[in-house]
């Protein structure tokens, strides 16, 4: 719920998307199987964003310069 509040204050579209995913996880028979891959994907996406913003993935730029 804290995630929904934080995302909702930033962008209503993202809040609607996360709400839809949570509704699918709770109400569809195959929803529980969606949780783990979705969690891994979101964590990887978050790490990619952090890495891109901190320059952690700028390996080619560092080697060339």
C-alpha atoms as a PDB file:
ATOM      1  CA  UNK A   1       0.000   0.000   0.000  1.00  0.00           C
ATOM      2  CA  UNK A   2       2.900   2.357   0.669  1.00  0.00           C
ATOM      3  CA  UNK A   3       4.147   1.756  -2.867  1.00  0.00           C
ATOM      4  CA  UNK A   4       0.694   2.559  -4.258  1.00  0.00           C
ATOM      5  CA  UNK A   5       0.617   5.820  -2.291  1.00  0.00           C
ATOM      6  CA  UNK A   6       4.101   6.869  -3.409  1.00  0.00           C
ATOM      7  CA  UNK A   7       3.443   6.021  -7.059  1.00  0.00           C
ATOM      8  CA  UNK A   8      -0.025   7.536  -6.958  1.00  0.00           C
ATOM      9  CA  UNK A   9       1.273  10.889  -5.799  1.00  0.00           C
ATOM     10  CA  UNK A  10       3.688  10.912  -8.718  1.00  0.00           C
ATOM     11  CA  UNK A  11       1.618   9.533 -11.577  1.00  0.00           C
ATOM     12  CA  UNK A  12      -1.962   8.312 -11.619  1.00  0.00           C
ATOM     13  CA  UNK A  13      -1.313   6.169 -14.722  1.00  0.00           C
ATOM     14  CA  UNK A  14       1.342   4.122 -12.933  1.00  0.00           C
ATOM     15  CA  UNK A  15      -0.977   3.733  -9.956  1.00  0.00           C
ATOM     16  CA  UNK A  16      -3.711   2.387 -12.218  1.00  0.00           C
ATOM     17  CA  UNK A  17      -1.264  -0.046 -13.826  1.00  0.00           C
ATOM     18  CA  UNK A  18      -0.022  -1.343 -10.483  1.00  0.00           C
ATOM     19  CA  UNK A  19      -3.606  -1.623  -9.250  1.00  0.00           C
ATOM     20  CA  UNK A  20      -4.499  -3.719 -12.293  1.00  0.00           C
ATOM     21  CA  UNK A  21      -1.526  -6.026 -11.689  1.00  0.00           C
ATOM     22  CA  UNK A  22      -2.507  -6.432  -8.035  1.00  0.00           C
ATOM     23  CA  UNK A  23      -6.109  -7.186  -9.000  1.00  0.00           C
ATOM     24  CA  UNK A  24      -4.921  -9.853 -11.446  1.00  0.00           C
ATOM     25  CA  UNK A  25      -2.665 -11.410  -8.811  1.00  0.00           C
ATOM     26  CA  UNK A  26      -5.534 -11.600  -6.330  1.00  0.00           C
ATOM     27  CA  UNK A  27      -8.463 -12.584  -8.544  1.00  0.00           C
ATOM     28  CA  UNK A  28      -7.186 -14.739 -11.418  1.00  0.00           C
ATOM     29  CA  UNK A  29      -6.341 -18.402 -10.882  1.00  0.00           C
ATOM     30  CA  UNK A  30      -2.856 -18.006 -12.393  1.00  0.00           C
ATOM     31  CA  UNK A  31      -2.172 -14.711 -10.584  1.00  0.00           C
ATOM     32  CA  UNK A  32       0.135 -16.194  -7.961  1.00  0.00           C
ATOM     33  CA  UNK A  33       2.461 -17.504 -10.677  1.00  0.00           C
ATOM     34  CA  UNK A  34       2.791 -13.931 -11.947  1.00  0.00           C
ATOM     35  CA  UNK A  35       4.171 -12.561  -8.670  1.00  0.00           C
ATOM     36  CA  UNK A  36       7.722 -13.936  -8.692  1.00  0.00           C
ATOM     37  CA  UNK A  37       8.634 -13.161 -12.340  1.00  0.00           C
ATOM     38  CA  UNK A  38       7.052  -9.726 -12.059  1.00  0.00           C
ATOM     39  CA  UNK A  39       8.970  -9.011  -8.855  1.00  0.00           C
ATOM     40  CA  UNK A  40      12.272 -10.073 -10.403  1.00  0.00           C
ATOM     41  CA  UNK A  41      11.558  -7.987 -13.493  1.00  0.00           C
ATOM     42  CA  UNK A  42      10.700  -4.893 -11.470  1.00  0.00           C
ATOM     43  CA  UNK A  43      13.824  -5.287  -9.324  1.00  0.00           C
ATOM     44  CA  UNK A  44      15.986  -5.647 -12.443  1.00  0.00           C
ATOM     45  CA  UNK A  45      14.344  -2.579 -13.977  1.00  0.00           C
ATOM     46  CA  UNK A  46      14.955  -0.589 -10.776  1.00  0.00           C
ATOM     47  CA  UNK A  47      18.598  -1.642 -10.644  1.00  0.00           C
ATOM     48  CA  UNK A  48      19.020  -0.690 -14.297  1.00  0.00           C
ATOM     49  CA  UNK A  49      17.599   2.767 -13.605  1.00  0.00           C
ATOM     50  CA  UNK A  50      19.850   3.253 -10.590  1.00  0.00           C
ATOM     51  CA  UNK A  51      22.863   1.994 -12.513  1.00  0.00           C
ATOM     52  CA  UNK A  52      22.168   4.264 -15.473  1.00  0.00           C
ATOM     53  CA  UNK A  53      21.751   7.318 -13.245  1.00  0.00           C
ATOM     54  CA  UNK A  54      24.890   6.665 -11.215  1.00  0.00           C
ATOM     55  CA  UNK A  55      27.086   5.857 -14.199  1.00  0.00           C
ATOM     56  CA  UNK A  56      27.629   2.275 -13.070  1.00  0.00           C
ATOM     57  CA  UNK A  57      26.895   0.976 -16.568  1.00  0.00           C
ATOM     58  CA  UNK A  58      29.143   3.463 -18.367  1.00  0.00           C
ATOM     59  CA  UNK A  59      31.854   0.858 -18.968  1.00  0.00           C
ATOM     60  CA  UNK A  60      32.456   1.679 -22.631  1.00  0.00           C
ATOM     61  CA  UNK A  61      32.701   5.406 -21.946  1.00  0.00           C
ATOM     62  CA  UNK A  62      35.252   4.809 -19.197  1.00  0.00           C
ATOM     63  CA  UNK A  63      37.394   2.526 -21.366  1.00  0.00           C
ATOM     64  CA  UNK A  64      37.328   4.833 -24.380  1.00  0.00           C
ATOM     65  CA  UNK A  65      38.211   8.008 -22.487  1.00  0.00           C
END
